[in-house]
Amino acid sequence: MDEDLDFFSDGPISARDIFLSQCLRSGLPVTAYPANQQEGGIPLSCDVVRLGAPSASSIVAFCTGAGGSAGLLNAALCSSFLGERMQRLIGRDVAVLLIHAVNPGGPVWPPRTRQAGPTMIDGDEAAAGQASWTDQLLKAADTRYSAYLRDTMEDPFVASTGSNGAAWSLSVLSQIADDFLRSEAMVESGGGRGQDRGRDRHLLCVDFRTGPGPSGVPVLAGLNPVTGHTRQRIRRWFPTLLEEETTAHIETLPSGGLAELVPDIDHTSLIIEFGTFSDPGLLDAVDARHARASTYPQDKAWRSTVKDAARTLMQDAIKGAEEMAQMLRSH
């Protein structure tokens, strides 16, 4: 089991070393975007790798917007994607973007709040009057308490650095969108630079992170756009993913709002949190400051459980992208 966990690291520099070694092993070119922050005197770097067909109509981006040690999970999963040769699952009309970035002192990207969507009742669009006032109050209370837990869970990385600023500016994320996702970039090697292919492409952004939930259990904690159609896609593509009663727990855009920087593309973005609480009862009974679990557990059993579950979710993401590619071909 220890070999399976070699993709996990407890710091941004070692995490990058693992990712770059996997890229070198796979013979993949890496595009690096330096940060405006350092760790131990070493500049942080956002490293991006793209796999799949240059002219793919359906793209999956694994990119987190989480700060501190919660963002280390996406780094480990990007490395495991390459280490387990999951690129062999990519079809001819699908591409995968691995965006590897960790900021120990704050968010990876400047937080951007999603626009208010329709009222969501049990995951579906509905008028507010269709739900009882008790259901609405309970869901609002759950939302506030979940936000409280995230705010009060002490992150050892952020506490040690004393920083809470984003490591990369929004312009860097926009540059990544320009380099890898805009229409011209996607068709440059596929015949006809400058073709307008935006409306017949789809982008699926998956934001892996840790959060205050049952240990090792993945939960849908946020999505964009907030529509019933989006929820139907996610339910179909990720059948093993647990859904919260409401998606309002995390108001910031998944993946730092990467999809919103490509305005000419259809997109589905979601945040998947893996819980770190060993006893779910703590969520109801104990103050988070006094009984918090680590924001990124070192426990081998937790990491093994998470890696296995995440492998299934990443495979599901690729299958979902394949479905979109087939649908786009039929149109």
C-alpha atoms as a PDB file:
ATOM      1  CA  MET A   1       0.000   0.000   0.000  1.00  0.00           C
ATOM      2  CA  ASP A   2       2.907   2.344   0.712  1.00  0.00           C
ATOM      3  CA  GLU A   3       3.919   2.398  -2.957  1.00  0.00           C
ATOM      4  CA  ASP A   4       0.381   3.415  -3.876  1.00  0.00           C
ATOM      5  CA  LEU A   5       0.689   6.426  -1.569  1.00  0.00           C
ATOM      6  CA  ASP A   6       3.960   7.754  -2.992  1.00  0.00           C
ATOM      7  CA  PHE A   7       1.928  10.398  -4.834  1.00  0.00           C
ATOM      8  CA  PHE A   8       0.964  12.085  -1.564  1.00  0.00           C
ATOM      9  CA  SER A   9       3.137  14.777  -0.041  1.00  0.00           C
ATOM     10  CA  ASP A  10       2.867  17.118   2.920  1.00  0.00           C
ATOM     11  CA  GLY A  11       4.367  20.218   1.319  1.00  0.00           C
ATOM     12  CA  PRO A  12       4.229  22.165  -1.964  1.00  0.00           C
ATOM     13  CA  ILE A  13       7.869  21.669  -2.960  1.00  0.00           C
ATOM     14  CA  SER A  14       7.913  17.907  -2.489  1.00  0.00           C
ATOM     15  CA  ALA A  15       4.487  17.691  -4.159  1.00  0.00           C
ATOM     16  CA  ARG A  16       5.896  19.445  -7.203  1.00  0.00           C
ATOM     17  CA  ASP A  17       8.924  17.156  -7.279  1.00  0.00           C
ATOM     18  CA  ILE A  18       6.630  14.130  -7.364  1.00  0.00           C
ATOM     19  CA  PHE A  19       4.484  15.598 -10.137  1.00  0.00           C
ATOM     20  CA  LEU A  20       7.456  16.602 -12.287  1.00  0.00           C
ATOM     21  CA  SER A  21       9.019  13.174 -11.874  1.00  0.00           C
ATOM     22  CA  GLN A  22       5.803  11.591 -13.151  1.00  0.00           C
ATOM     23  CA  CYS A  23       5.743  13.989 -16.096  1.00  0.00           C
ATOM     24  CA  LEU A  24       9.354  13.138 -16.924  1.00  0.00           C
ATOM     25  CA  ARG A  25       8.610   9.436 -16.643  1.00  0.00           C
ATOM     26  CA  SER A  26       5.700   9.843 -19.079  1.00  0.00           C
ATOM     27  CA  GLY A  27       7.671  12.087 -21.441  1.00  0.00           C
ATOM     28  CA  LEU A  28       5.245  14.972 -21.079  1.00  0.00           C
ATOM     29  CA  PRO A  29       6.136  18.641 -21.571  1.00  0.00           C
ATOM     30  CA  VAL A  30       5.272  20.890 -18.641  1.00  0.00           C
ATOM     31  CA  THR A  31       4.284  24.559 -18.773  1.00  0.00           C
ATOM     32  CA  ALA A  32       5.236  26.378 -15.577  1.00  0.00           C
ATOM     33  CA  TYR A  33       3.664  29.567 -14.229  1.00  0.00           C
ATOM     34  CA  PRO A  34       5.692  31.087 -11.352  1.00  0.00           C
ATOM     35  CA  ALA A  35       3.883  32.358  -8.274  1.00  0.00           C
ATOM     36  CA  ASN A  36       4.341  35.605  -6.408  1.00  0.00           C
ATOM     37  CA  GLN A  37       5.126  33.638  -3.230  1.00  0.00           C
ATOM     38  CA  GLN A  38       7.860  31.335  -1.974  1.00  0.00           C
ATOM     39  CA  GLU A  39       8.115  28.362   0.354  1.00  0.00           C
ATOM     40  CA  GLY A  40      11.379  28.067   2.256  1.00  0.00           C
ATOM     41  CA  GLY A  41      13.065  30.424  -0.186  1.00  0.00           C
ATOM     42  CA  ILE A  42      11.932  28.357  -3.196  1.00  0.00           C
ATOM     43  CA  PRO A  43       9.421  30.017  -5.556  1.00  0.00           C
ATOM     44  CA  LEU A  44       6.094  28.250  -5.908  1.00  0.00           C
ATOM     45  CA  SER A  45       5.077  27.118  -9.378  1.00  0.00           C
ATOM     46  CA  CYS A  46       1.830  26.166 -11.076  1.00  0.00           C
ATOM     47  CA  ASP A  47       2.614  23.356 -13.516  1.00  0.00           C
ATOM     48  CA  VAL A  48       0.234  22.418 -16.306  1.00  0.00           C
ATOM     49  CA  VAL A  49       0.190  19.312 -18.470  1.00  0.00           C
ATOM     50  CA  ARG A  50      -2.210  18.544 -21.279  1.00  0.00           C
ATOM     51  CA  LEU A  51      -2.990  15.046 -22.565  1.00  0.00           C
ATOM     52  CA  GLY A  52      -5.157  13.864 -25.435  1.00  0.00           C
ATOM     53  CA  ALA A  53      -6.023  14.991 -28.923  1.00  0.00           C
ATOM     54  CA  PRO A  54      -5.018  18.574 -29.855  1.00  0.00           C
ATOM     55  CA  SER A  55      -8.423  19.172 -31.426  1.00  0.00           C
ATOM     56  CA  ALA A  56     -10.496  17.446 -28.720  1.00  0.00           C
ATOM     57  CA  SER A  57     -14.047  18.713 -28.434  1.00  0.00           C
ATOM     58  CA  SER A  58     -14.442  17.641 -24.805  1.00  0.00           C
ATOM     59  CA  ILE A  59     -11.913  18.616 -22.128  1.00  0.00           C
ATOM     60  CA  VAL A  60     -11.544  17.624 -18.477  1.00  0.00           C
ATOM     61  CA  ALA A  61      -9.539  19.952 -16.217  1.00  0.00           C
ATOM     62  CA  PHE A  62      -8.425  18.780 -12.786  1.00  0.00           C
ATOM     63  CA  CYS A  63      -7.753  22.054 -10.996  1.00  0.00           C
ATOM     64  CA  THR A  64      -8.371  23.181  -7.418  1.00  0.00           C
ATOM     65  CA  GLY A  65      -8.974  26.603  -5.970  1.00  0.00           C
ATOM     66  CA  ALA A  66      -8.511  25.428  -2.375  1.00  0.00           C
ATOM     67  CA  GLY A  67      -5.832  27.035  -0.264  1.00  0.00           C
ATOM     68  CA  GLY A  68      -3.541  25.641   2.397  1.00  0.00           C
ATOM     69  CA  SER A  69      -3.157  21.916   2.912  1.00  0.00           C
ATOM     70  CA  ALA A  70      -6.664  21.247   1.537  1.00  0.00           C
ATOM     71  CA  GLY A  71      -5.211  21.920  -1.925  1.00  0.00           C
ATOM     72  CA  LEU A  72      -2.562  19.214  -1.552  1.00  0.00           C
ATOM     73  CA  LEU A  73      -5.165  16.591  -2.400  1.00  0.00           C
ATOM     74  CA  ASN A  74      -5.544  17.736  -6.006  1.00  0.00           C
ATOM     75  CA  ALA A  75      -1.739  17.762  -6.316  1.00  0.00           C
ATOM     76  CA  ALA A  76      -1.542  14.128  -5.204  1.00  0.00           C
ATOM     77  CA  LEU A  77      -4.340  13.097  -7.550  1.00  0.00           C
ATOM     78  CA  CYS A  78      -2.722  14.803 -10.548  1.00  0.00           C
ATOM     79  CA  SER A  79       0.449  12.805  -9.828  1.00  0.00           C
ATOM     80  CA  SER A  80      -1.496   9.574  -9.354  1.00  0.00           C
ATOM     81  CA  PHE A  81      -3.309  10.168 -12.671  1.00  0.00           C
ATOM     82  CA  LEU A  82       0.047   9.949 -14.438  1.00  0.00           C
ATOM     83  CA  GLY A  83       1.578   7.341 -12.157  1.00  0.00           C
ATOM     84  CA  GLU A  84      -1.322   4.964 -12.732  1.00  0.00           C
ATOM     85  CA  ARG A  85      -1.265   5.625 -16.477  1.00  0.00           C
ATOM     86  CA  MET A  86      -4.837   6.843 -16.561  1.00  0.00           C
ATOM     87  CA  GLN A  87      -4.050   8.691 -19.787  1.00  0.00           C
ATOM     88  CA  ARG A  88      -4.670   5.368 -21.499  1.00  0.00           C
ATOM     89  CA  LEU A  89      -8.384   5.896 -20.806  1.00  0.00           C
ATOM     90  CA  ILE A  90      -8.566   9.124 -22.841  1.00  0.00           C
ATOM     91  CA  GLY A  91     -10.561   8.760 -26.061  1.00  0.00           C
ATOM     92  CA  ARG A  92      -9.829  10.353 -29.410  1.00  0.00           C
ATOM     93  CA  ASP A  93     -12.110  13.372 -28.902  1.00  0.00           C
ATOM     94  CA  VAL A  94     -11.177  13.997 -25.259  1.00  0.00           C
ATOM     95  CA  ALA A  95      -8.338  15.949 -23.646  1.00  0.00           C
ATOM     96  CA  VAL A  96      -7.283  16.143 -19.987  1.00  0.00           C
ATOM     97  CA  LEU A  97      -5.663  19.152 -18.357  1.00  0.00           C
ATOM     98  CA  LEU A  98      -3.738  18.589 -15.120  1.00  0.00           C
ATOM     99  CA  ILE A  99      -3.213  21.858 -13.242  1.00  0.00           C
ATOM    100  CA  HIS A 100      -0.857  21.242 -10.341  1.00  0.00           C
ATOM    101  CA  ALA A 101      -0.634  24.152  -7.875  1.00  0.00           C
ATOM    102  CA  VAL A 102      -0.365  24.376  -4.086  1.00  0.00           C
ATOM    103  CA  ASN A 103      -0.332  27.504  -1.938  1.00  0.00           C
ATOM    104  CA  PRO A 104       0.473  26.735   1.708  1.00  0.00           C
ATOM    105  CA  GLY A 105      -0.458  30.231   2.874  1.00  0.00           C
ATOM    106  CA  GLY A 106      -3.803  30.878   1.245  1.00  0.00           C
ATOM    107  CA  PRO A 107      -5.933  30.270  -1.844  1.00  0.00           C
ATOM    108  CA  VAL A 108      -4.371  29.214  -5.117  1.00  0.00           C
ATOM    109  CA  TRP A 109      -6.409  31.759  -7.094  1.00  0.00           C
ATOM    110  CA  PRO A 110      -8.220  34.911  -5.955  1.00  0.00           C
ATOM    111  CA  PRO A 111     -11.625  33.678  -4.702  1.00  0.00           C
ATOM    112  CA  ARG A 112     -14.473  34.521  -7.036  1.00  0.00           C
ATOM    113  CA  THR A 113     -18.066  34.084  -5.942  1.00  0.00           C
ATOM    114  CA  ARG A 114     -20.510  32.460  -8.314  1.00  0.00           C
ATOM    115  CA  GLN A 115     -23.626  34.321  -9.333  1.00  0.00           C
ATOM    116  CA  ALA A 116     -26.778  33.507  -7.431  1.00  0.00           C
ATOM    117  CA  GLY A 117     -28.681  30.738  -9.134  1.00  0.00           C
ATOM    118  CA  PRO A 118     -32.242  29.448  -8.867  1.00  0.00           C
ATOM    119  CA  THR A 119     -33.525  28.072  -5.588  1.00  0.00           C
ATOM    120  CA  MET A 120     -32.310  24.492  -5.212  1.00  0.00           C
ATOM    121  CA  ILE A 121     -34.574  22.033  -3.416  1.00  0.00           C
ATOM    122  CA  ASP A 122     -33.187  18.517  -3.048  1.00  0.00           C
ATOM    123  CA  GLY A 123     -30.848  19.338  -5.904  1.00  0.00           C
ATOM    124  CA  ASP A 124     -33.458  20.560  -8.355  1.00  0.00           C
ATOM    125  CA  GLU A 125     -34.679  23.953  -9.468  1.00  0.00           C
ATOM    126  CA  ALA A 126     -37.926  24.940  -7.809  1.00  0.00           C
ATOM    127  CA  ALA A 127     -39.791  27.952  -6.642  1.00  0.00           C
ATOM    128  CA  ALA A 128     -39.132  28.870  -3.037  1.00  0.00           C
ATOM    129  CA  GLY A 129     -42.780  28.379  -2.194  1.00  0.00           C
ATOM    130  CA  GLN A 130     -42.634  24.718  -3.140  1.00  0.00           C
ATOM    131  CA  ALA A 131     -40.576  23.850  -0.053  1.00  0.00           C
ATOM    132  CA  SER A 132     -41.813  23.985   3.485  1.00  0.00           C
ATOM    133  CA  TRP A 133     -40.377  26.737   5.644  1.00  0.00           C
ATOM    134  CA  THR A 134     -38.883  24.084   7.944  1.00  0.00           C
ATOM    135  CA  ASP A 135     -36.898  22.518   5.100  1.00  0.00           C
ATOM    136  CA  GLN A 136     -35.595  25.919   4.043  1.00  0.00           C
ATOM    137  CA  LEU A 137     -34.549  26.808   7.577  1.00  0.00           C
ATOM    138  CA  LEU A 138     -32.790  23.497   8.106  1.00  0.00           C
ATOM    139  CA  LYS A 139     -30.887  23.784   4.853  1.00  0.00           C
ATOM    140  CA  ALA A 140     -29.909  27.358   5.612  1.00  0.00           C
ATOM    141  CA  ALA A 141     -28.646  26.261   9.030  1.00  0.00           C
ATOM    142  CA  ASP A 142     -26.650  23.411   7.473  1.00  0.00           C
ATOM    143  CA  THR A 143     -25.094  25.848   5.028  1.00  0.00           C
ATOM    144  CA  ARG A 144     -24.082  28.303   7.754  1.00  0.00           C
ATOM    145  CA  TYR A 145     -22.657  25.564   9.975  1.00  0.00           C
ATOM    146  CA  SER A 146     -20.645  23.995   7.154  1.00  0.00           C
ATOM    147  CA  ALA A 147     -19.208  27.406   6.316  1.00  0.00           C
ATOM    148  CA  TYR A 148     -18.392  27.903  10.011  1.00  0.00           C
ATOM    149  CA  LEU A 149     -16.469  24.630  10.128  1.00  0.00           C
ATOM    150  CA  ARG A 150     -14.407  25.579   7.090  1.00  0.00           C
ATOM    151  CA  ASP A 151     -13.625  28.968   8.572  1.00  0.00           C
ATOM    152  CA  THR A 152     -12.624  27.644  11.987  1.00  0.00           C
ATOM    153  CA  MET A 153     -10.696  24.497  11.080  1.00  0.00           C
ATOM    154  CA  GLU A 154      -7.088  25.397  11.784  1.00  0.00           C
ATOM    155  CA  ASP A 155      -4.823  24.769   8.813  1.00  0.00           C
ATOM    156  CA  PRO A 156      -1.231  24.213   9.957  1.00  0.00           C
ATOM    157  CA  PHE A 157       0.175  25.560   6.686  1.00  0.00           C
ATOM    158  CA  VAL A 158      -1.724  28.828   6.782  1.00  0.00           C
ATOM    159  CA  ALA A 159      -1.039  29.238  10.498  1.00  0.00           C
ATOM    160  CA  SER A 160       2.714  28.784   9.998  1.00  0.00           C
ATOM    161  CA  THR A 161       3.033  31.162   7.056  1.00  0.00           C
ATOM    162  CA  GLY A 162       0.739  33.860   8.407  1.00  0.00           C
ATOM    163  CA  SER A 163      -0.409  34.567   4.856  1.00  0.00           C
ATOM    164  CA  ASN A 164      -3.833  34.369   3.269  1.00  0.00           C
ATOM    165  CA  GLY A 165      -3.277  35.908  -0.140  1.00  0.00           C
ATOM    166  CA  ALA A 166      -3.593  34.099  -3.464  1.00  0.00           C
ATOM    167  CA  ALA A 167      -0.322  32.742  -4.840  1.00  0.00           C
ATOM    168  CA  TRP A 168      -1.299  33.335  -8.458  1.00  0.00           C
ATOM    169  CA  SER A 169      -3.255  36.242  -9.879  1.00  0.00           C
ATOM    170  CA  LEU A 170      -6.358  35.911 -11.979  1.00  0.00           C
ATOM    171  CA  SER A 171      -4.286  36.939 -14.996  1.00  0.00           C
ATOM    172  CA  VAL A 172      -2.255  33.721 -14.632  1.00  0.00           C
ATOM    173  CA  LEU A 173      -5.407  31.603 -14.645  1.00  0.00           C
ATOM    174  CA  SER A 174      -6.578  33.564 -17.667  1.00  0.00           C
ATOM    175  CA  GLN A 175      -3.243  32.853 -19.353  1.00  0.00           C
ATOM    176  CA  ILE A 176      -3.721  29.125 -18.718  1.00  0.00           C
ATOM    177  CA  ALA A 177      -7.151  29.397 -20.342  1.00  0.00           C
ATOM    178  CA  ASP A 178      -5.569  31.200 -23.304  1.00  0.00           C
ATOM    179  CA  ASP A 179      -2.776  28.641 -23.636  1.00  0.00           C
ATOM    180  CA  PHE A 180      -4.854  25.491 -23.331  1.00  0.00           C
ATOM    181  CA  LEU A 181      -8.590  26.095 -23.599  1.00  0.00           C
ATOM    182  CA  ARG A 182      -9.565  28.873 -25.948  1.00  0.00           C
ATOM    183  CA  SER A 183     -10.742  27.925 -29.428  1.00  0.00           C
ATOM    184  CA  GLU A 184      -7.584  29.036 -31.211  1.00  0.00           C
ATOM    185  CA  ALA A 185      -5.338  27.109 -28.806  1.00  0.00           C
ATOM    186  CA  MET A 186      -7.361  23.915 -29.128  1.00  0.00           C
ATOM    187  CA  VAL A 187      -7.413  23.807 -32.939  1.00  0.00           C
ATOM    188  CA  GLU A 188      -3.890  25.114 -33.603  1.00  0.00           C
ATOM    189  CA  SER A 189      -2.555  21.598 -34.105  1.00  0.00           C
ATOM    190  CA  GLY A 190      -5.794  20.145 -35.372  1.00  0.00           C
ATOM    191  CA  GLY A 191      -6.360  22.018 -38.575  1.00  0.00           C
ATOM    192  CA  GLY A 192      -7.266  25.649 -38.878  1.00  0.00           C
ATOM    193  CA  ARG A 193      -6.044  28.109 -36.305  1.00  0.00           C
ATOM    194  CA  GLY A 194      -8.664  30.683 -35.501  1.00  0.00           C
ATOM    195  CA  GLN A 195     -11.696  28.531 -36.251  1.00  0.00           C
ATOM    196  CA  ASP A 196     -14.677  29.368 -34.069  1.00  0.00           C
ATOM    197  CA  ARG A 197     -15.294  26.089 -32.277  1.00  0.00           C
ATOM    198  CA  GLY A 198     -16.448  27.438 -28.938  1.00  0.00           C
ATOM    199  CA  ARG A 199     -20.076  26.396 -29.137  1.00  0.00           C
ATOM    200  CA  ASP A 200     -19.287  22.802 -30.085  1.00  0.00           C
ATOM    201  CA  ARG A 201     -16.894  22.156 -27.219  1.00  0.00           C
ATOM    202  CA  HIS A 202     -17.404  21.277 -23.576  1.00  0.00           C
ATOM    203  CA  LEU A 203     -15.205  21.798 -20.509  1.00  0.00           C
ATOM    204  CA  LEU A 204     -15.591  19.769 -17.309  1.00  0.00           C
ATOM    205  CA  CYS A 205     -13.722  21.309 -14.352  1.00  0.00           C
ATOM    206  CA  VAL A 206     -13.201  19.064 -11.305  1.00  0.00           C
ATOM    207  CA  ASP A 207     -11.952  20.709  -8.116  1.00  0.00           C
ATOM    208  CA  PHE A 208     -10.675  18.102  -5.628  1.00  0.00           C
ATOM    209  CA  ARG A 209     -10.067  19.231  -2.041  1.00  0.00           C
ATOM    210  CA  THR A 210     -10.574  18.193   1.575  1.00  0.00           C
ATOM    211  CA  GLY A 211     -13.363  19.428   3.822  1.00  0.00           C
ATOM    212  CA  PRO A 212     -15.325  18.896   7.041  1.00  0.00           C
ATOM    213  CA  GLY A 213     -17.142  15.671   6.351  1.00  0.00           C
ATOM    214  CA  PRO A 214     -17.069  11.955   7.176  1.00  0.00           C
ATOM    215  CA  SER A 215     -13.560  10.561   6.799  1.00  0.00           C
ATOM    216  CA  GLY A 216     -12.622   9.636   3.239  1.00  0.00           C
ATOM    217  CA  VAL A 217     -16.117  10.175   1.828  1.00  0.00           C
ATOM    218  CA  PRO A 218     -16.382  12.298  -1.347  1.00  0.00           C
ATOM    219  CA  VAL A 219     -19.217  14.813  -1.400  1.00  0.00           C
ATOM    220  CA  LEU A 220     -20.449  17.211  -4.053  1.00  0.00           C
ATOM    221  CA  ALA A 221     -19.846  20.519  -2.265  1.00  0.00           C
ATOM    222  CA  GLY A 222     -20.329  23.041  -5.063  1.00  0.00           C
ATOM    223  CA  LEU A 223     -21.059  23.402  -8.740  1.00  0.00           C
ATOM    224  CA  ASN A 224     -21.508  25.944 -11.495  1.00  0.00           C
ATOM    225  CA  PRO A 225     -23.742  26.761 -13.237  1.00  0.00           C
ATOM    226  CA  VAL A 226     -26.310  26.082 -10.536  1.00  0.00           C
ATOM    227  CA  THR A 227     -29.082  24.551 -12.610  1.00  0.00           C
ATOM    228  CA  GLY A 228     -31.094  21.377 -12.609  1.00  0.00           C
ATOM    229  CA  HIS A 229     -29.511  20.473 -15.951  1.00  0.00           C
ATOM    230  CA  THR A 230     -26.040  20.644 -14.412  1.00  0.00           C
ATOM    231  CA  ARG A 231     -27.142  18.471 -11.507  1.00  0.00           C
ATOM    232  CA  GLN A 232     -28.574  15.893 -13.884  1.00  0.00           C
ATOM    233  CA  ARG A 233     -25.247  15.710 -15.705  1.00  0.00           C
ATOM    234  CA  ILE A 234     -23.329  15.256 -12.458  1.00  0.00           C
ATOM    235  CA  ARG A 235     -25.717  12.584 -11.187  1.00  0.00           C
ATOM    236  CA  ARG A 236     -25.322  10.687 -14.450  1.00  0.00           C
ATOM    237  CA  TRP A 237     -21.547  11.033 -14.705  1.00  0.00           C
ATOM    238  CA  PHE A 238     -20.660  10.529 -11.019  1.00  0.00           C
ATOM    239  CA  PRO A 239     -23.100   7.907  -9.674  1.00  0.00           C
ATOM    240  CA  THR A 240     -21.001   7.196  -6.556  1.00  0.00           C
ATOM    241  CA  LEU A 241     -20.771  10.833  -5.483  1.00  0.00           C
ATOM    242  CA  LEU A 242     -22.820  11.852  -2.490  1.00  0.00           C
ATOM    243  CA  GLU A 243     -24.847  15.028  -2.871  1.00  0.00           C
ATOM    244  CA  GLU A 244     -25.357  17.678  -0.242  1.00  0.00           C
ATOM    245  CA  GLU A 245     -28.928  18.839   0.350  1.00  0.00           C
ATOM    246  CA  THR A 246     -27.926  22.134  -1.198  1.00  0.00           C
ATOM    247  CA  THR A 247     -24.906  23.287  -3.176  1.00  0.00           C
ATOM    248  CA  ALA A 248     -24.664  26.615  -1.356  1.00  0.00           C
ATOM    249  CA  HIS A 249     -22.018  25.374   1.093  1.00  0.00           C
ATOM    250  CA  ILE A 250     -19.216  26.712  -1.092  1.00  0.00           C
ATOM    251  CA  GLU A 251     -20.027  29.964  -2.830  1.00  0.00           C
ATOM    252  CA  THR A 252     -16.713  30.390  -4.627  1.00  0.00           C
ATOM    253  CA  LEU A 253     -16.385  29.203  -8.198  1.00  0.00           C
ATOM    254  CA  PRO A 254     -14.920  25.720  -8.701  1.00  0.00           C
ATOM    255  CA  SER A 255     -11.321  25.640  -9.946  1.00  0.00           C
ATOM    256  CA  GLY A 256     -10.936  29.352  -9.308  1.00  0.00           C
ATOM    257  CA  GLY A 257     -13.465  30.139 -12.051  1.00  0.00           C
ATOM    258  CA  LEU A 258     -11.355  28.636 -14.850  1.00  0.00           C
ATOM    259  CA  ALA A 259     -14.383  27.734 -16.966  1.00  0.00           C
ATOM    260  CA  GLU A 260     -15.771  31.265 -16.724  1.00  0.00           C
ATOM    261  CA  LEU A 261     -12.584  32.558 -18.351  1.00  0.00           C
ATOM    262  CA  VAL A 262     -13.496  30.668 -21.532  1.00  0.00           C
ATOM    263  CA  PRO A 263     -16.791  32.400 -22.378  1.00  0.00           C
ATOM    264  CA  ASP A 264     -17.287  30.646 -25.710  1.00  0.00           C
ATOM    265  CA  ILE A 265     -17.439  27.128 -24.284  1.00  0.00           C
ATOM    266  CA  ASP A 266     -20.172  25.067 -22.649  1.00  0.00           C
ATOM    267  CA  HIS A 267     -19.017  23.941 -19.217  1.00  0.00           C
ATOM    268  CA  THR A 268     -19.790  21.961 -16.089  1.00  0.00           C
ATOM    269  CA  SER A 269     -17.766  22.742 -12.950  1.00  0.00           C
ATOM    270  CA  LEU A 270     -17.898  21.020  -9.584  1.00  0.00           C
ATOM    271  CA  ILE A 271     -16.136  20.864  -6.232  1.00  0.00           C
ATOM    272  CA  ILE A 272     -15.589  17.427  -4.700  1.00  0.00           C
ATOM    273  CA  GLU A 273     -14.624  17.406  -1.034  1.00  0.00           C
ATOM    274  CA  PHE A 274     -13.161  14.400   0.760  1.00  0.00           C
ATOM    275  CA  GLY A 275     -14.056  14.457   4.438  1.00  0.00           C
ATOM    276  CA  THR A 276     -11.389  14.394   7.146  1.00  0.00           C
ATOM    277  CA  PHE A 277     -13.492  13.822  10.289  1.00  0.00           C
ATOM    278  CA  SER A 278     -13.005  10.306  11.665  1.00  0.00           C
ATOM    279  CA  ASP A 279     -16.201  10.570  13.695  1.00  0.00           C
ATOM    280  CA  PRO A 280     -19.167  12.148  11.849  1.00  0.00           C
ATOM    281  CA  GLY A 281     -20.739  12.870  15.250  1.00  0.00           C
ATOM    282  CA  LEU A 282     -18.153  15.598  15.738  1.00  0.00           C
ATOM    283  CA  LEU A 283     -19.941  17.626  13.099  1.00  0.00           C
ATOM    284  CA  ASP A 284     -22.982  17.842  15.337  1.00  0.00           C
ATOM    285  CA  ALA A 285     -21.626  17.778  18.851  1.00  0.00           C
ATOM    286  CA  VAL A 286     -18.213  19.421  19.148  1.00  0.00           C
ATOM    287  CA  ASP A 287     -16.777  22.824  18.406  1.00  0.00           C
ATOM    288  CA  ALA A 288     -14.503  22.584  15.365  1.00  0.00           C
ATOM    289  CA  ARG A 289     -11.670  24.500  17.028  1.00  0.00           C
ATOM    290  CA  HIS A 290     -11.355  21.913  19.793  1.00  0.00           C
ATOM    291  CA  ALA A 291     -12.076  18.699  17.934  1.00  0.00           C
ATOM    292  CA  ARG A 292     -11.035  19.360  14.377  1.00  0.00           C
ATOM    293  CA  ALA A 293      -9.392  16.725  12.238  1.00  0.00           C
ATOM    294  CA  SER A 294      -6.376  17.533  10.147  1.00  0.00           C
ATOM    295  CA  THR A 295      -7.205  19.378   6.933  1.00  0.00           C
ATOM    296  CA  TYR A 296      -4.955  16.891   5.121  1.00  0.00           C
ATOM    297  CA  PRO A 297      -4.623  13.654   7.138  1.00  0.00           C
ATOM    298  CA  GLN A 298      -1.338  11.741   7.073  1.00  0.00           C
ATOM    299  CA  ASP A 299      -3.106   8.517   7.991  1.00  0.00           C
ATOM    300  CA  LYS A 300      -2.236   5.852   5.406  1.00  0.00           C
ATOM    301  CA  ALA A 301      -5.664   4.253   5.523  1.00  0.00           C
ATOM    302  CA  TRP A 302      -7.359   7.615   4.819  1.00  0.00           C
ATOM    303  CA  ARG A 303      -5.052   8.336   1.896  1.00  0.00           C
ATOM    304  CA  SER A 304      -5.518   4.876   0.430  1.00  0.00           C
ATOM    305  CA  THR A 305      -9.302   5.153   0.681  1.00  0.00           C
ATOM    306  CA  VAL A 306      -9.274   8.598  -0.907  1.00  0.00           C
ATOM    307  CA  LYS A 307      -6.962   7.576  -3.736  1.00  0.00           C
ATOM    308  CA  ASP A 308      -9.152   4.611  -4.660  1.00  0.00           C
ATOM    309  CA  ALA A 309     -12.350   6.671  -4.562  1.00  0.00           C
ATOM    310  CA  ALA A 310     -10.729   9.491  -6.529  1.00  0.00           C
ATOM    311  CA  ARG A 311      -9.532   7.064  -9.185  1.00  0.00           C
ATOM    312  CA  THR A 312     -13.138   6.051  -9.788  1.00  0.00           C
ATOM    313  CA  LEU A 313     -14.238   9.699  -9.912  1.00  0.00           C
ATOM    314  CA  MET A 314     -11.503  10.586 -12.403  1.00  0.00           C
ATOM    315  CA  GLN A 315     -12.523   7.662 -14.565  1.00  0.00           C
ATOM    316  CA  ASP A 316     -16.120   8.863 -14.308  1.00  0.00           C
ATOM    317  CA  ALA A 317     -15.015  12.335 -15.417  1.00  0.00           C
ATOM    318  CA  ILE A 318     -13.359  10.912 -18.525  1.00  0.00           C
ATOM    319  CA  LYS A 319     -16.459   8.849 -19.311  1.00  0.00           C
ATOM    320  CA  GLY A 320     -18.583  11.970 -18.907  1.00  0.00           C
ATOM    321  CA  ALA A 321     -16.301  13.812 -21.308  1.00  0.00           C
ATOM    322  CA  GLU A 322     -16.652  10.929 -23.764  1.00  0.00           C
ATOM    323  CA  GLU A 323     -20.426  11.225 -23.550  1.00  0.00           C
ATOM    324  CA  MET A 324     -20.231  14.948 -24.307  1.00  0.00           C
ATOM    325  CA  ALA A 325     -17.875  14.314 -27.221  1.00  0.00           C
ATOM    326  CA  GLN A 326     -20.299  11.816 -28.729  1.00  0.00           C
ATOM    327  CA  MET A 327     -23.183  14.230 -28.281  1.00  0.00           C
ATOM    328  CA  LEU A 328     -21.229  17.026 -29.938  1.00  0.00           C
ATOM    329  CA  ARG A 329     -20.338  14.767 -32.869  1.00  0.00           C
ATOM    330  CA  SER A 330     -24.003  13.905 -33.371  1.00  0.00           C
ATOM    331  CA  HIS A 331     -24.835  17.619 -33.645  1.00  0.00           C
END
